[in-house]
N, C-alpha and C. Protein backbone atom coordinates (compact mmCIF):
# COMPACT_ATOMS: atom_id res chain seq x y z
N MET A 1 16.22 -2.15 6.28
CA MET A 1 15.14 -3.73 5.94
C MET A 1 14.58 -2.52 4.76
N ARG A 2 14.40 -2.82 3.27
CA ARG A 2 13.23 -2.13 2.59
C ARG A 2 12.41 -2.86 2.01
N ILE A 3 11.19 -2.11 1.97
CA ILE A 3 9.76 -3.09 1.69
C ILE A 3 9.09 -2.04 0.71
N GLY A 4 8.79 -3.30 -0.43
CA GLY A 4 7.90 -2.14 -1.33
C GLY A 4 6.87 -2.53 -1.12
N LEU A 5 5.87 -1.22 -1.16
CA LEU A 5 4.34 -1.08 -1.19
C LEU A 5 3.48 -0.85 -2.33
N ILE A 6 2.49 -1.62 -2.63
CA ILE A 6 2.03 -1.33 -3.56
C ILE A 6 0.35 -1.80 -3.14
N SER A 7 -0.32 -1.10 -3.99
CA SER A 7 -1.96 -1.25 -3.64
C SER A 7 -2.77 -1.17 -5.13
N ASP A 8 -3.82 -1.39 -4.93
CA ASP A 8 -5.08 -1.56 -5.89
C ASP A 8 -4.39 -1.61 -7.33
N THR A 9 -4.16 -3.02 -7.64
CA THR A 9 -3.22 -3.14 -8.71
C THR A 9 -4.32 -3.73 -9.96
N HIS A 10 -5.61 -4.01 -9.30
CA HIS A 10 -6.87 -4.35 -10.20
C HIS A 10 -6.37 -4.81 -11.21
N VAL A 11 -5.65 -6.09 -11.28
CA VAL A 11 -5.42 -6.73 -12.70
C VAL A 11 -6.54 -8.06 -12.21
N PRO A 12 -6.76 -8.57 -13.44
CA PRO A 12 -6.95 -8.38 -14.84
C PRO A 12 -7.79 -7.22 -15.25
N ALA A 13 -8.55 -6.30 -14.19
CA ALA A 13 -9.47 -5.65 -14.69
C ALA A 13 -9.06 -4.24 -15.21
N ALA A 14 -7.74 -3.39 -15.01
CA ALA A 14 -7.70 -2.33 -15.39
C ALA A 14 -6.59 -2.75 -16.37
N THR A 15 -5.67 -3.73 -16.72
CA THR A 15 -4.87 -3.80 -17.38
C THR A 15 -4.36 -5.32 -17.07
N TYR A 16 -3.71 -6.19 -17.98
CA TYR A 16 -3.57 -7.72 -18.14
C TYR A 16 -2.69 -7.89 -17.19
N GLU A 17 -1.39 -7.37 -16.61
CA GLU A 17 -0.51 -7.39 -16.09
C GLU A 17 -0.25 -6.17 -15.27
N ILE A 18 0.61 -6.85 -13.92
CA ILE A 18 1.14 -5.41 -13.50
C ILE A 18 2.40 -4.88 -14.11
N PRO A 19 2.53 -3.40 -14.18
CA PRO A 19 3.73 -2.90 -15.16
C PRO A 19 4.80 -3.42 -14.78
N TYR A 20 5.74 -3.78 -15.70
CA TYR A 20 7.32 -4.26 -15.71
C TYR A 20 7.87 -3.11 -14.83
N GLN A 21 7.33 -1.87 -14.77
CA GLN A 21 8.45 -0.90 -14.15
C GLN A 21 8.07 -0.97 -12.34
N VAL A 22 7.20 -1.93 -11.94
CA VAL A 22 7.19 -2.34 -10.54
C VAL A 22 8.46 -2.96 -9.99
N ALA A 23 8.51 -3.71 -11.08
CA ALA A 23 9.67 -5.51 -10.74
C ALA A 23 11.08 -4.28 -10.42
N ARG A 24 11.10 -3.06 -11.31
CA ARG A 24 12.35 -2.32 -11.37
C ARG A 24 12.45 -1.49 -10.23
N ALA A 25 11.07 -0.98 -10.09
CA ALA A 25 11.34 -0.08 -8.56
C ALA A 25 11.59 -1.10 -7.33
N PHE A 26 10.95 -2.21 -7.30
CA PHE A 26 11.30 -3.11 -6.18
C PHE A 26 12.40 -3.77 -5.92
N ALA A 27 13.24 -3.68 -7.01
CA ALA A 27 14.72 -4.45 -7.07
C ALA A 27 15.38 -4.39 -5.62
N GLY A 28 15.79 -5.42 -5.29
CA GLY A 28 16.07 -5.41 -3.96
C GLY A 28 16.04 -5.37 -2.90
N VAL A 29 14.20 -5.19 -2.75
CA VAL A 29 13.33 -5.27 -1.62
C VAL A 29 13.36 -6.46 -0.98
N ASP A 30 13.23 -6.53 0.50
CA ASP A 30 13.24 -7.68 1.30
C ASP A 30 11.53 -8.21 1.71
N LEU A 31 10.95 -7.48 0.97
CA LEU A 31 9.19 -7.76 1.70
C LEU A 31 8.66 -7.01 0.60
N ILE A 32 7.29 -7.56 0.28
CA ILE A 32 6.08 -6.92 -0.30
C ILE A 32 4.99 -6.42 0.16
N LEU A 33 4.09 -5.63 0.66
CA LEU A 33 3.15 -5.47 1.14
C LEU A 33 2.11 -4.64 -0.45
N HIS A 34 0.83 -5.61 0.16
CA HIS A 34 -0.12 -5.12 -0.84
C HIS A 34 -1.52 -5.25 -0.06
N ALA A 35 -1.68 -4.19 -0.27
CA ALA A 35 -2.85 -3.05 0.54
C ALA A 35 -4.36 -3.33 -0.16
N GLY A 36 -4.29 -4.42 -0.67
CA GLY A 36 -5.50 -4.76 -1.19
C GLY A 36 -6.14 -4.41 -2.62
N ASP A 37 -7.19 -4.68 -3.27
CA ASP A 37 -7.75 -4.35 -4.36
C ASP A 37 -6.91 -5.37 -5.47
N ILE A 38 -6.28 -6.78 -5.26
CA ILE A 38 -5.46 -7.45 -6.14
C ILE A 38 -6.47 -8.08 -7.29
N TYR A 39 -7.54 -8.48 -7.15
CA TYR A 39 -8.36 -9.45 -7.87
C TYR A 39 -8.01 -10.78 -8.30
N ALA A 40 -7.00 -11.14 -8.60
CA ALA A 40 -6.24 -12.37 -8.90
C ALA A 40 -4.92 -12.92 -8.38
N PRO A 41 -5.16 -14.47 -7.95
CA PRO A 41 -3.85 -14.42 -7.37
C PRO A 41 -2.70 -14.49 -8.04
N PHE A 42 -2.41 -14.44 -9.47
CA PHE A 42 -1.27 -14.44 -10.11
C PHE A 42 -0.91 -13.23 -10.22
N ALA A 43 -1.18 -12.24 -9.51
CA ALA A 43 -0.80 -10.87 -9.07
C ALA A 43 0.38 -10.91 -8.02
N LEU A 44 0.03 -11.49 -6.93
CA LEU A 44 0.92 -12.03 -5.89
C LEU A 44 1.79 -12.79 -6.36
N ASP A 45 1.53 -13.82 -7.47
CA ASP A 45 2.59 -14.72 -7.65
C ASP A 45 3.70 -14.19 -8.44
N TRP A 46 2.92 -13.21 -9.24
CA TRP A 46 4.08 -12.06 -10.05
C TRP A 46 4.97 -11.40 -8.98
N LEU A 47 4.50 -11.10 -8.09
CA LEU A 47 5.28 -9.88 -6.66
C LEU A 47 6.14 -10.89 -6.16
N GLU A 48 5.81 -12.18 -6.02
CA GLU A 48 6.25 -13.04 -4.84
C GLU A 48 7.94 -13.74 -5.77
N ARG A 49 7.72 -13.41 -7.01
CA ARG A 49 9.22 -13.84 -7.65
C ARG A 49 10.09 -12.61 -7.37
N ILE A 50 9.68 -11.18 -6.70
CA ILE A 50 10.73 -10.04 -6.11
C ILE A 50 10.99 -10.48 -4.90
N ALA A 51 10.11 -10.71 -3.90
CA ALA A 51 10.46 -10.70 -2.34
C ALA A 51 9.23 -11.36 -2.01
N PRO A 52 9.22 -11.90 -0.65
CA PRO A 52 7.93 -12.47 -0.08
C PRO A 52 7.07 -11.25 0.08
N VAL A 53 5.81 -12.01 0.16
CA VAL A 53 4.23 -10.94 -0.06
C VAL A 53 3.53 -11.11 1.29
N TYR A 54 3.26 -10.07 1.78
CA TYR A 54 1.43 -9.85 2.51
C TYR A 54 0.71 -9.30 1.80
N ALA A 55 -0.13 -9.58 1.95
CA ALA A 55 -1.75 -8.75 1.16
C ALA A 55 -2.78 -8.77 2.32
N VAL A 56 -3.68 -7.72 1.99
CA VAL A 56 -4.86 -7.95 2.46
C VAL A 56 -6.01 -7.99 1.22
N LEU A 57 -7.46 -7.73 1.93
CA LEU A 57 -8.12 -8.03 1.01
C LEU A 57 -8.99 -6.87 0.56
N GLY A 58 -9.30 -6.39 -0.42
CA GLY A 58 -9.94 -4.88 -0.34
C GLY A 58 -10.84 -5.09 -1.46
N GLY A 59 -12.31 -4.65 -1.45
CA GLY A 59 -13.13 -4.63 -2.36
C GLY A 59 -13.90 -5.99 -2.48
N SER A 60 -14.89 -5.83 -2.92
CA SER A 60 -15.69 -7.45 -3.17
C SER A 60 -15.36 -8.08 -4.07
N VAL A 61 -14.65 -7.64 -5.05
CA VAL A 61 -14.10 -8.89 -6.08
C VAL A 61 -12.73 -9.73 -5.90
N ASP A 62 -11.82 -9.80 -4.40
CA ASP A 62 -10.99 -10.40 -4.27
C ASP A 62 -11.86 -11.70 -4.06
N ARG A 63 -11.23 -12.55 -4.45
CA ARG A 63 -11.51 -14.11 -4.31
C ARG A 63 -10.60 -15.27 -4.17
N MET A 64 -10.04 -14.53 -3.02
CA MET A 64 -8.50 -15.41 -2.66
C MET A 64 -8.78 -16.21 -1.19
N ASP A 65 -9.79 -16.54 -0.75
CA ASP A 65 -10.12 -16.66 0.44
C ASP A 65 -9.06 -18.14 0.33
N GLY A 66 -8.46 -18.25 1.54
CA GLY A 66 -7.69 -19.75 2.04
C GLY A 66 -6.32 -19.41 1.29
N ASP A 67 -5.95 -18.23 0.87
CA ASP A 67 -4.39 -17.80 0.52
C ASP A 67 -3.76 -17.26 1.57
N PRO A 68 -2.68 -18.27 1.90
CA PRO A 68 -2.23 -17.75 3.41
C PRO A 68 -1.42 -16.33 3.08
N ARG A 69 -1.29 -15.94 2.20
CA ARG A 69 -0.52 -14.45 1.83
C ARG A 69 -1.50 -13.56 2.46
N MET A 70 -2.90 -13.82 2.54
CA MET A 70 -4.21 -12.80 2.40
C MET A 70 -4.84 -12.85 3.62
N ALA A 71 -5.24 -11.49 4.42
CA ALA A 71 -5.89 -11.63 5.66
C ALA A 71 -6.68 -10.11 5.38
N GLU A 72 -7.46 -9.99 6.46
CA GLU A 72 -8.42 -8.89 6.46
C GLU A 72 -7.41 -7.74 6.84
N ARG A 73 -6.71 -7.68 7.45
CA ARG A 73 -5.60 -6.68 7.78
C ARG A 73 -4.11 -7.66 8.68
N HIS A 74 -3.37 -7.07 8.21
CA HIS A 74 -1.88 -7.84 8.74
C HIS A 74 -1.11 -6.99 9.75
N LEU A 75 -0.78 -7.52 11.23
CA LEU A 75 0.05 -6.57 12.05
C LEU A 75 1.44 -7.38 12.16
N LEU A 76 2.57 -6.54 11.43
CA LEU A 76 3.92 -6.79 11.55
C LEU A 76 5.03 -6.23 12.56
N THR A 77 5.85 -6.92 13.05
CA THR A 77 6.97 -6.11 13.86
C THR A 77 8.03 -6.41 12.81
N LEU A 78 8.83 -5.26 12.12
CA LEU A 78 9.98 -5.41 11.36
C LEU A 78 11.08 -4.30 11.95
N GLU A 79 12.19 -4.79 12.74
CA GLU A 79 12.84 -4.20 13.18
C GLU A 79 12.87 -3.05 13.82
N GLY A 80 11.61 -3.77 15.01
CA GLY A 80 11.18 -2.89 16.13
C GLY A 80 10.23 -1.86 16.20
N VAL A 81 10.03 -1.99 14.77
CA VAL A 81 8.58 -1.09 14.15
C VAL A 81 7.32 -1.93 14.06
N SER A 82 6.12 -1.29 14.58
CA SER A 82 5.06 -2.09 14.61
C SER A 82 4.30 -1.32 12.80
N LEU A 83 3.71 -2.46 12.25
CA LEU A 83 3.18 -1.83 10.98
C LEU A 83 1.84 -2.73 10.94
N GLY A 84 1.08 -1.86 10.36
CA GLY A 84 -0.37 -2.41 10.41
C GLY A 84 -0.82 -1.84 8.56
N LEU A 85 -0.89 -3.10 8.28
CA LEU A 85 -1.60 -3.56 7.04
C LEU A 85 -3.09 -3.37 6.60
N ILE A 86 -3.38 -2.80 6.07
CA ILE A 86 -5.09 -2.68 5.56
C ILE A 86 -5.65 -2.19 4.37
N HIS A 87 -6.96 -2.64 3.78
CA HIS A 87 -7.14 -1.81 2.41
C HIS A 87 -7.83 -0.49 2.55
N MET A 88 -8.91 -0.30 3.43
CA MET A 88 -9.82 0.97 3.43
C MET A 88 -9.42 1.36 4.80
N LEU A 89 -8.89 2.66 4.92
CA LEU A 89 -8.56 2.88 6.45
C LEU A 89 -9.59 4.17 6.90
N THR A 90 -10.40 3.96 7.71
CA THR A 90 -11.37 4.57 8.70
C THR A 90 -11.00 4.52 9.62
N LEU A 91 -10.79 5.86 10.16
CA LEU A 91 -10.38 6.02 11.53
C LEU A 91 -11.03 6.96 12.60
N PRO A 92 -11.55 6.31 13.51
CA PRO A 92 -12.55 6.75 14.61
C PRO A 92 -12.19 8.25 15.15
N GLY A 93 -13.39 9.12 14.93
CA GLY A 93 -12.98 10.40 14.95
C GLY A 93 -13.17 10.71 13.69
N LEU A 94 -12.71 10.39 12.58
CA LEU A 94 -12.77 11.12 11.57
C LEU A 94 -13.76 10.80 10.22
N LEU A 95 -14.57 11.54 9.99
CA LEU A 95 -15.54 11.40 9.12
C LEU A 95 -15.59 10.96 7.63
N ALA A 96 -14.42 11.06 7.41
CA ALA A 96 -13.94 10.69 6.25
C ALA A 96 -12.92 9.66 5.86
N GLU A 97 -12.95 9.06 4.21
CA GLU A 97 -11.68 8.26 4.23
C GLU A 97 -10.36 9.15 4.34
N VAL A 98 -9.45 8.69 4.51
CA VAL A 98 -8.05 9.07 4.32
C VAL A 98 -7.23 9.12 2.84
N PHE A 99 -7.78 10.38 2.49
CA PHE A 99 -7.11 10.93 1.35
C PHE A 99 -5.67 11.83 1.69
N PRO A 100 -5.09 12.33 0.94
CA PRO A 100 -4.08 12.84 1.17
C PRO A 100 -4.31 14.77 1.65
N GLY A 101 -4.12 14.67 3.13
CA GLY A 101 -4.20 15.78 3.64
C GLY A 101 -5.57 15.79 4.74
N THR A 102 -6.39 14.73 4.55
CA THR A 102 -7.68 14.44 5.46
C THR A 102 -7.18 14.58 7.24
N ILE A 103 -6.32 14.04 7.63
CA ILE A 103 -6.07 13.87 8.83
C ILE A 103 -5.34 15.13 9.59
N GLY A 104 -4.71 16.13 8.72
CA GLY A 104 -4.55 16.95 9.19
C GLY A 104 -5.69 18.03 9.27
N GLN A 105 -6.31 18.10 8.08
CA GLN A 105 -7.69 19.29 8.27
C GLN A 105 -8.64 18.68 9.08
N LEU A 106 -9.21 17.22 9.14
CA LEU A 106 -10.24 16.82 9.34
C LEU A 106 -10.33 16.23 10.61
N PHE A 107 -9.14 15.22 10.99
CA PHE A 107 -9.42 14.92 12.56
C PHE A 107 -9.17 15.69 13.62
N PRO A 108 -10.57 15.55 14.24
CA PRO A 108 -10.34 16.30 15.73
C PRO A 108 -9.42 16.57 16.64
N HIS A 109 -8.58 17.60 16.91
CA HIS A 109 -7.60 18.42 17.30
C HIS A 109 -7.85 17.73 18.96
N HIS A 110 -8.72 17.61 19.62
CA HIS A 110 -8.70 17.13 20.86
C HIS A 110 -8.55 15.92 20.96
N GLN A 111 -8.34 14.86 19.90
CA GLN A 111 -8.37 13.66 20.11
C GLN A 111 -7.05 13.19 19.55
N SER A 112 -6.69 11.66 19.83
CA SER A 112 -5.18 11.07 19.62
C SER A 112 -5.34 10.41 18.27
N VAL A 113 -4.64 10.85 17.39
CA VAL A 113 -4.88 10.04 16.29
C VAL A 113 -3.86 8.65 16.62
N ARG A 114 -2.75 8.96 17.74
CA ARG A 114 -2.28 7.46 17.69
C ARG A 114 -3.09 6.20 18.18
N LYS A 115 -4.05 6.73 19.00
CA LYS A 115 -5.23 6.52 20.11
C LYS A 115 -6.00 5.65 18.92
N ALA A 116 -6.37 6.30 18.26
CA ALA A 116 -7.78 5.90 16.69
C ALA A 116 -6.82 4.69 15.93
N VAL A 117 -5.31 4.97 15.46
CA VAL A 117 -4.83 3.45 14.79
C VAL A 117 -5.13 2.71 16.08
N GLN A 118 -4.43 2.71 16.63
CA GLN A 118 -4.56 1.25 17.82
C GLN A 118 -6.17 0.83 17.91
N HIS A 119 -6.65 1.57 17.88
CA HIS A 119 -8.27 1.10 17.84
C HIS A 119 -8.30 0.39 16.73
N VAL A 120 -7.97 0.82 15.45
CA VAL A 120 -8.30 0.33 13.99
C VAL A 120 -7.74 -1.04 14.07
N PHE A 121 -6.25 -1.30 14.46
CA PHE A 121 -5.52 -2.76 14.92
C PHE A 121 -5.49 -3.55 16.09
N ASN A 122 -5.82 -2.90 17.06
CA ASN A 122 -6.24 -3.39 18.25
C ASN A 122 -4.41 -3.64 18.73
N HIS A 123 -3.76 -2.79 18.67
CA HIS A 123 -2.16 -2.91 18.89
C HIS A 123 -1.43 -1.74 18.74
N PRO A 124 -0.91 -0.88 18.95
CA PRO A 124 0.11 0.15 18.98
C PRO A 124 0.60 0.07 17.56
N VAL A 125 0.41 1.11 16.81
CA VAL A 125 1.04 0.87 15.18
C VAL A 125 2.03 2.09 15.25
N ASP A 126 2.86 1.94 14.34
CA ASP A 126 3.93 3.31 14.15
C ASP A 126 4.00 3.58 12.82
N VAL A 127 3.58 2.58 12.11
CA VAL A 127 3.07 2.86 10.53
C VAL A 127 1.94 2.15 9.84
N VAL A 128 0.98 2.88 9.24
CA VAL A 128 -0.24 2.20 8.87
C VAL A 128 -0.04 2.33 7.08
N VAL A 129 -0.12 0.68 6.31
CA VAL A 129 0.05 0.99 5.08
C VAL A 129 -1.55 0.82 4.86
N PHE A 130 -2.08 1.30 3.63
CA PHE A 130 -3.49 1.39 3.24
C PHE A 130 -3.33 1.70 1.61
N GLY A 131 -4.97 1.01 1.37
CA GLY A 131 -5.01 1.65 -0.42
C GLY A 131 -6.45 2.25 -0.41
N ASP A 132 -6.81 1.68 -1.07
CA ASP A 132 -8.62 1.96 -1.81
C ASP A 132 -8.47 3.34 -2.26
N THR A 133 -7.98 4.34 -2.09
CA THR A 133 -8.61 5.75 -2.64
C THR A 133 -7.93 5.91 -4.05
N HIS A 134 -6.49 5.04 -4.15
CA HIS A 134 -5.99 5.25 -5.33
C HIS A 134 -5.16 6.81 -5.27
N TYR A 135 -5.12 7.33 -4.50
CA TYR A 135 -4.08 8.64 -3.83
C TYR A 135 -2.93 8.27 -3.44
N GLU A 136 -1.86 8.28 -3.59
CA GLU A 136 -0.63 8.52 -3.03
C GLU A 136 -0.52 9.22 -2.17
N THR A 137 -0.28 8.71 -0.82
CA THR A 137 0.00 9.72 0.77
C THR A 137 1.20 9.08 1.39
N LEU A 138 1.75 10.15 2.04
CA LEU A 138 2.44 9.89 2.62
C LEU A 138 2.90 11.14 3.77
N GLU A 139 2.00 10.42 4.99
CA GLU A 139 2.35 11.87 5.88
C GLU A 139 2.39 11.29 7.43
N TRP A 140 3.06 12.14 8.22
CA TRP A 140 3.14 11.91 9.61
C TRP A 140 2.24 12.32 10.50
N HIS A 141 1.30 11.99 11.27
CA HIS A 141 0.68 12.35 12.50
C HIS A 141 1.09 11.69 13.63
N ASP A 142 0.83 12.39 14.76
CA ASP A 142 1.07 11.52 15.95
C ASP A 142 2.41 10.83 16.16
N GLY A 143 3.08 10.97 15.38
CA GLY A 143 4.27 9.60 15.44
C GLY A 143 3.83 8.49 14.60
N VAL A 144 2.83 8.68 14.15
CA VAL A 144 2.45 7.24 12.80
C VAL A 144 2.45 7.80 11.46
N LEU A 145 3.48 7.04 10.85
CA LEU A 145 3.48 7.15 9.24
C LEU A 145 2.40 6.45 8.56
N PHE A 146 1.54 7.33 7.86
CA PHE A 146 0.36 6.88 7.03
C PHE A 146 1.14 7.20 5.60
N VAL A 147 1.00 5.81 4.46
CA VAL A 147 1.39 5.57 3.51
C VAL A 147 -0.05 4.82 2.73
N ASN A 148 -0.10 5.35 2.00
CA ASN A 148 -0.88 4.93 0.80
C ASN A 148 0.02 5.06 -0.68
N PRO A 149 0.21 3.53 -1.43
CA PRO A 149 1.40 3.78 -2.63
C PRO A 149 0.16 4.38 -3.76
N GLY A 150 -0.97 4.50 -3.54
CA GLY A 150 -1.53 4.67 -4.73
C GLY A 150 -1.73 3.63 -5.47
N SER A 151 -2.00 3.53 -6.98
CA SER A 151 -2.15 2.42 -7.66
C SER A 151 -1.10 2.47 -9.12
N PRO A 152 -0.47 1.42 -9.23
CA PRO A 152 0.29 1.44 -10.64
C PRO A 152 -0.23 1.39 -11.93
N THR A 153 -1.91 0.87 -11.55
CA THR A 153 -2.15 1.09 -12.72
C THR A 153 -3.81 1.95 -12.77
N LEU A 154 -4.29 2.39 -12.08
CA LEU A 154 -5.13 3.15 -11.70
C LEU A 154 -5.06 4.40 -11.01
N PRO A 155 -3.84 5.46 -11.31
CA PRO A 155 -3.67 6.66 -10.08
C PRO A 155 -5.11 7.35 -10.19
N ARG A 156 -5.21 7.90 -9.13
CA ARG A 156 -6.55 8.47 -9.04
C ARG A 156 -7.42 8.52 -10.17
N GLN A 157 -7.72 6.67 -10.05
CA GLN A 157 -9.04 6.23 -10.95
C GLN A 157 -8.66 6.63 -12.70
N MET A 158 -7.63 7.09 -13.13
CA MET A 158 -7.20 6.93 -14.57
C MET A 158 -6.69 5.77 -14.81
N ARG A 159 -6.45 4.95 -16.18
CA ARG A 159 -5.63 3.89 -16.62
C ARG A 159 -4.47 4.76 -17.30
N ARG A 160 -4.10 4.41 -16.48
CA ARG A 160 -2.12 4.93 -16.90
C ARG A 160 -1.40 4.53 -16.19
N LEU A 161 0.12 4.34 -15.72
CA LEU A 161 1.02 4.43 -15.06
C LEU A 161 1.22 4.97 -14.00
N GLY A 162 1.59 4.55 -12.83
CA GLY A 162 1.01 5.15 -11.43
C GLY A 162 2.40 5.21 -10.72
N HIS A 163 1.83 4.57 -9.52
CA HIS A 163 2.82 5.12 -8.19
C HIS A 163 2.78 3.49 -7.43
N VAL A 164 3.82 3.47 -6.72
CA VAL A 164 3.97 2.67 -5.79
C VAL A 164 4.84 3.50 -4.45
N ALA A 165 5.33 2.59 -3.37
CA ALA A 165 6.19 3.18 -2.06
C ALA A 165 7.04 2.46 -2.33
N LEU A 166 8.09 3.02 -1.51
CA LEU A 166 9.07 2.16 -0.62
C LEU A 166 9.33 2.72 1.22
N LEU A 167 9.52 1.67 1.65
CA LEU A 167 9.96 2.11 3.29
C LEU A 167 11.31 1.41 3.81
N ASP A 168 11.83 2.27 4.28
CA ASP A 168 13.06 1.69 4.68
C ASP A 168 13.13 1.85 6.09
N ILE A 169 13.29 0.55 6.60
CA ILE A 169 13.38 0.43 8.17
C ILE A 169 14.92 0.09 8.76
N ASP A 170 15.27 1.11 9.52
CA ASP A 170 16.74 0.71 10.33
C ASP A 170 16.93 0.85 11.44
N ASN A 171 17.06 -0.15 12.34
CA ASN A 171 17.08 0.44 13.67
C ASN A 171 15.76 0.86 14.30
N GLY A 172 14.85 0.83 13.95
CA GLY A 172 13.62 1.57 14.63
C GLY A 172 13.31 2.92 13.83
N ARG A 173 14.35 3.09 12.95
CA ARG A 173 14.17 4.57 12.12
C ARG A 173 13.58 4.07 10.86
N VAL A 174 12.28 4.82 10.46
CA VAL A 174 11.39 4.65 9.31
C VAL A 174 11.52 5.89 7.98
N GLU A 175 11.92 5.47 7.04
CA GLU A 175 11.80 6.58 6.03
C GLU A 175 10.43 6.13 4.54
N GLY A 176 10.00 6.66 4.36
CA GLY A 176 9.20 6.46 3.41
C GLY A 176 9.11 7.20 2.14
N ARG A 177 8.96 6.63 0.92
CA ARG A 177 9.03 7.63 -0.67
C ARG A 177 8.22 7.23 -1.42
N ILE A 178 7.08 8.11 -1.70
CA ILE A 178 6.35 7.45 -3.23
C ILE A 178 6.97 7.41 -4.44
N VAL A 179 7.08 6.32 -5.06
CA VAL A 179 7.69 6.32 -6.39
C VAL A 179 6.94 6.54 -7.60
N ASP A 180 7.25 7.21 -8.61
CA ASP A 180 6.39 7.59 -9.59
C ASP A 180 7.16 6.54 -10.74
N LEU A 181 6.24 5.43 -11.09
CA LEU A 181 6.72 4.50 -12.09
C LEU A 181 7.24 4.96 -13.15
N ASN A 182 7.00 6.08 -13.72
CA ASN A 182 7.69 6.65 -15.19
C ASN A 182 8.89 6.72 -14.97
N GLU A 183 9.71 6.83 -13.54
CA GLU A 183 11.32 7.01 -13.52
C GLU A 183 11.79 5.94 -13.72
N TYR A 184 10.70 4.71 -13.92
CA TYR A 184 11.63 3.39 -14.22
C TYR A 184 11.07 2.67 -15.53
N THR A 185 10.55 3.55 -16.22
CA THR A 185 10.29 3.47 -17.60
C THR A 185 11.99 2.83 -18.59
N VAL A 186 12.08 2.10 -19.40
CA VAL A 186 13.09 2.19 -20.30
C VAL A 186 12.59 2.16 -21.60
N ALA A 187 12.74 2.95 -22.49
CA ALA A 187 12.73 3.06 -23.71
C ALA A 187 12.54 1.79 -24.53
N GLY A 188 11.66 1.37 -25.36
CA GLY A 188 11.64 0.05 -26.48
C GLY A 188 11.10 -0.95 -25.43
N MET A 189 10.93 -0.90 -24.36
CA MET A 189 10.22 -2.26 -23.47
C MET A 189 8.47 -1.72 -23.96
N PRO A 190 7.84 -2.81 -23.86
CA PRO A 190 6.10 -2.56 -24.28
C PRO A 190 5.63 -2.13 -22.95
N GLU A 191 4.64 -1.15 -23.47
CA GLU A 191 4.04 -0.70 -22.33
C GLU A 191 2.82 -1.39 -21.89
N ALA A 192 2.30 -1.13 -20.23
CA ALA A 192 1.26 -2.03 -20.01
C ALA A 192 0.13 -2.23 -20.79
N ARG A 193 -0.81 -3.30 -21.00
CA ARG A 193 -1.69 -3.37 -22.20
C ARG A 193 -3.14 -2.92 -21.18
N TRP A 194 -3.23 -1.45 -20.98
CA TRP A 194 -4.49 -1.31 -20.76
C TRP A 194 -6.10 -1.94 -21.11
N ILE A 195 -6.99 -2.26 -20.41
CA ILE A 195 -8.34 -2.72 -20.88
C ILE A 195 -8.92 -1.81 -21.55
């Protein structure tokens, strides 16, 4: 199973639409997980033309209460792998939001990362997908894969083409990778219209 991971699209605040490169990167995925800061339901509708979508609320501007695709957090079991989807990841014992390297550098070594994640989702989790920081992250800690796909429209808070991620699950094995959307640019295609 291949899953497309996306977060912090900020459409229509950062750009008028999701960049076409996202559709090219997600070609053939079985499922898409959006880790929040969506801003408008048409962004999820656009993604749903590619594959089914689960999404989480993020920030104070999401106005999609009642949308069946949306929740505060999702806990999914996919091919024997437990996956938690949340917008802003704060772990008990970590006095900072999760950025690249934060867990390895700042999480107390005498505590279990796996138990901290279980506390967040009230269930053991093998993979955590999160957003909010706009910094792409792919790290293993205590047998848990942490993935932040960054932002396709505001990577590291800059208006330019950014990142998504792909997650492959096969018989309980998990592999993830960050995707630079510039790899999917086609000469002659119109670029995103930045606000």
